[in-house]
Amino acid sequence: MTKPSTGASAAKPRVLLIDDSRDGLLARKSVLEHQGCDVTTCSCPEEAVERFASAEFDLVVTDFRMPRMNGTEVIQAIRQQRPEIPVVLVSGMVDILGLTEQNTGADAVVAKNASEVSHMVRAVNRLLRRTAAPKKPVRSQIGKRNLRAKSG
């Protein structure tokens, strides 16, 4: 698992895992810890949003269908606090409801099915690498720099 961009280089990525299902929490927590993450779990979405406000996390994994607050609402609350934190949405309703990154605000949407574990691990790794990697200049910016250097 990729190290987060902030903190000590030996620090484990800190993941907030949200699911109202105890079994879902335990299974995903086990997988993420096996991948080298430090996982904080919350079974109540409102509690998770409060915990997110008071602690530092590198990534959030949330279920979609939960009582009182769904995953999209959790994502909106998280984005209001720290929009740069990547979020993975996990749901058994991905196909039925047509859940996508565009209509949920998540950075990755993972369906609960036989491939869930591998897809979740890939999404988490990709998103942690993205936040840890230094930003490269956009091609148009590189071209402008080169033009300035040649003309100056």
Protein backbone atom coordinates (compact mmCIF):
# COMPACT_ATOMS: atom_id res chain seq x y z
CA MET A 1 0.00 0.00 0.00
CA THR A 2 1.27 3.47 -0.83
CA LYS A 3 2.28 5.82 1.94
CA PRO A 4 0.26 9.01 2.41
CA SER A 5 1.73 12.31 1.29
CA THR A 6 1.65 13.82 4.77
CA GLY A 7 3.27 12.71 8.01
CA ALA A 8 6.20 10.44 8.66
CA SER A 9 7.39 8.24 5.83
CA ALA A 10 6.81 5.12 7.95
CA ALA A 11 3.19 6.09 8.70
CA LYS A 12 0.45 3.79 7.52
CA PRO A 13 -2.29 5.30 5.35
CA ARG A 14 -5.19 6.28 7.63
CA VAL A 15 -8.56 5.09 6.34
CA LEU A 16 -12.01 5.94 7.68
CA LEU A 17 -14.33 3.01 6.94
CA ILE A 18 -18.09 3.59 7.19
CA ASP A 19 -20.77 0.88 7.02
CA ASP A 20 -23.86 0.19 9.12
CA SER A 21 -23.31 -3.55 8.62
CA ARG A 22 -21.04 -5.05 11.29
CA ASP A 23 -20.02 -7.87 8.94
CA GLY A 24 -19.19 -5.41 6.15
CA LEU A 25 -17.07 -3.33 8.51
CA LEU A 26 -15.14 -6.32 9.83
CA ALA A 27 -14.50 -7.83 6.39
CA ARG A 28 -13.35 -4.58 4.75
CA LYS A 29 -11.32 -3.58 7.81
CA SER A 30 -9.48 -6.91 7.68
CA VAL A 31 -8.71 -6.49 3.96
CA LEU A 32 -7.51 -2.90 4.38
CA GLU A 33 -5.37 -3.71 7.41
CA HIS A 34 -3.83 -6.63 5.49
CA GLN A 35 -2.92 -4.04 2.81
CA GLY A 36 -1.08 -1.97 5.44
CA CYS A 37 -3.72 0.62 6.36
CA ASP A 38 -4.56 1.99 9.79
CA VAL A 39 -8.37 1.65 9.76
CA THR A 40 -10.90 3.52 11.88
CA THR A 41 -14.43 2.13 11.63
CA CYS A 42 -17.80 3.82 12.11
CA SER A 43 -21.18 2.11 11.86
CA CYS A 44 -23.11 5.38 12.01
CA PRO A 45 -22.67 7.89 9.15
CA GLU A 46 -23.28 10.92 11.38
CA GLU A 47 -20.61 9.72 13.81
CA ALA A 48 -18.25 9.16 10.86
CA VAL A 49 -18.67 12.74 9.65
CA GLU A 50 -17.93 14.02 13.18
CA ARG A 51 -14.89 11.77 13.48
CA PHE A 52 -13.66 12.92 10.06
CA ALA A 53 -13.84 16.53 11.28
CA SER A 54 -11.73 15.81 14.35
CA ALA A 55 -9.06 13.44 12.99
CA GLU A 56 -6.72 13.18 10.00
CA PHE A 57 -7.49 10.58 7.33
CA ASP A 58 -5.86 9.87 4.00
CA LEU A 59 -8.87 8.14 2.45
CA VAL A 60 -12.52 7.29 3.18
CA VAL A 61 -14.38 4.11 2.22
CA THR A 62 -18.13 4.33 2.69
CA ASP A 63 -21.15 2.16 2.07
CA PHE A 64 -24.01 3.72 0.13
CA ARG A 65 -27.19 2.43 1.76
CA MET A 66 -27.30 3.36 5.45
CA PRO A 67 -30.04 4.69 7.74
CA ARG A 68 -30.55 8.47 8.15
CA MET A 69 -27.69 9.39 5.79
CA ASN A 70 -26.64 7.64 2.58
CA GLY A 71 -23.14 7.41 1.14
CA THR A 72 -23.66 10.34 -1.23
CA GLU A 73 -24.66 12.55 1.70
CA VAL A 74 -21.59 11.38 3.62
CA ILE A 75 -19.40 12.25 0.62
CA GLN A 76 -20.96 15.74 0.40
CA ALA A 77 -20.27 16.35 4.11
CA ILE A 78 -16.66 15.15 3.72
CA ARG A 79 -16.10 17.26 0.61
CA GLN A 80 -17.30 20.36 2.50
CA GLN A 81 -14.61 19.76 5.14
CA ARG A 82 -11.69 18.47 3.06
CA PRO A 83 -12.44 18.14 -0.67
CA GLU A 84 -8.99 16.73 -1.48
CA ILE A 85 -9.48 13.50 0.49
CA PRO A 86 -10.23 10.58 -1.84
CA VAL A 87 -13.44 8.62 -1.26
CA VAL A 88 -14.39 5.09 -2.34
CA LEU A 89 -18.12 4.31 -2.40
CA VAL A 90 -19.06 0.64 -2.00
CA SER A 91 -22.60 -0.51 -2.76
CA GLY A 92 -24.71 -3.48 -3.69
CA MET A 93 -26.90 -1.04 -5.63
CA VAL A 94 -24.33 0.22 -8.16
CA ASP A 95 -26.04 -1.24 -11.24
CA ILE A 96 -29.63 -0.91 -10.00
CA LEU A 97 -29.27 2.79 -9.11
CA GLY A 98 -26.66 3.60 -11.76
CA LEU A 99 -24.15 4.84 -9.19
CA THR A 100 -21.07 6.42 -10.77
CA GLU A 101 -18.25 8.71 -9.75
CA GLN A 102 -20.04 11.56 -11.54
CA ASN A 103 -23.41 11.26 -9.76
CA THR A 104 -22.10 10.36 -6.28
CA GLY A 105 -19.04 12.59 -5.89
CA ALA A 106 -16.87 9.55 -5.09
CA ASP A 107 -13.42 9.10 -6.60
CA ALA A 108 -14.21 5.41 -7.15
CA VAL A 109 -17.42 3.35 -7.03
CA VAL A 110 -17.10 -0.35 -6.23
CA ALA A 111 -19.94 -2.86 -6.57
CA LYS A 112 -20.51 -5.41 -3.81
CA ASN A 113 -20.01 -8.66 -5.71
CA ALA A 114 -17.49 -11.46 -6.12
CA SER A 115 -14.88 -8.96 -7.40
CA GLU A 116 -15.43 -6.39 -4.63
CA VAL A 117 -12.24 -7.08 -2.67
CA SER A 118 -9.88 -6.84 -5.63
CA HIS A 119 -11.66 -3.77 -7.03
CA MET A 120 -11.65 -2.03 -3.64
CA VAL A 121 -7.95 -2.78 -3.08
CA ARG A 122 -7.08 -1.49 -6.57
CA ALA A 123 -9.13 1.68 -6.06
CA VAL A 124 -7.60 2.35 -2.63
CA ASN A 125 -4.05 1.81 -3.92
CA ARG A 126 -4.65 4.01 -6.97
CA LEU A 127 -6.16 6.84 -4.93
CA LEU A 128 -3.44 6.74 -2.27
CA ARG A 129 -0.76 6.81 -5.00
CA ARG A 130 -2.51 9.76 -6.62
CA THR A 131 -2.53 11.78 -3.40
CA ALA A 132 1.08 10.83 -2.56
CA ALA A 133 2.52 11.55 -6.00
CA PRO A 134 3.85 15.02 -6.72
CA LYS A 135 1.72 16.87 -9.26
CA LYS A 136 3.17 16.95 -12.75
CA PRO A 137 2.69 20.07 -14.86
CA VAL A 138 -0.01 19.92 -17.48
CA ARG A 139 1.31 19.63 -21.05
CA SER A 140 0.03 23.10 -21.93
CA GLN A 141 2.04 24.52 -19.03
CA ILE A 142 5.18 22.72 -20.18
CA GLY A 143 4.78 24.18 -23.67
CA LYS A 144 4.32 27.70 -22.28
CA ARG A 145 7.47 27.32 -20.19
CA ASN A 146 9.46 26.16 -23.19
CA LEU A 147 8.18 29.08 -25.30
CA ARG A 148 9.12 31.56 -22.58
CA ALA A 149 12.57 30.02 -22.22
CA LYS A 150 13.18 30.20 -26.01
CA SER A 151 11.90 33.75 -26.39
CA GLY A 152 13.49 35.10 -23.22
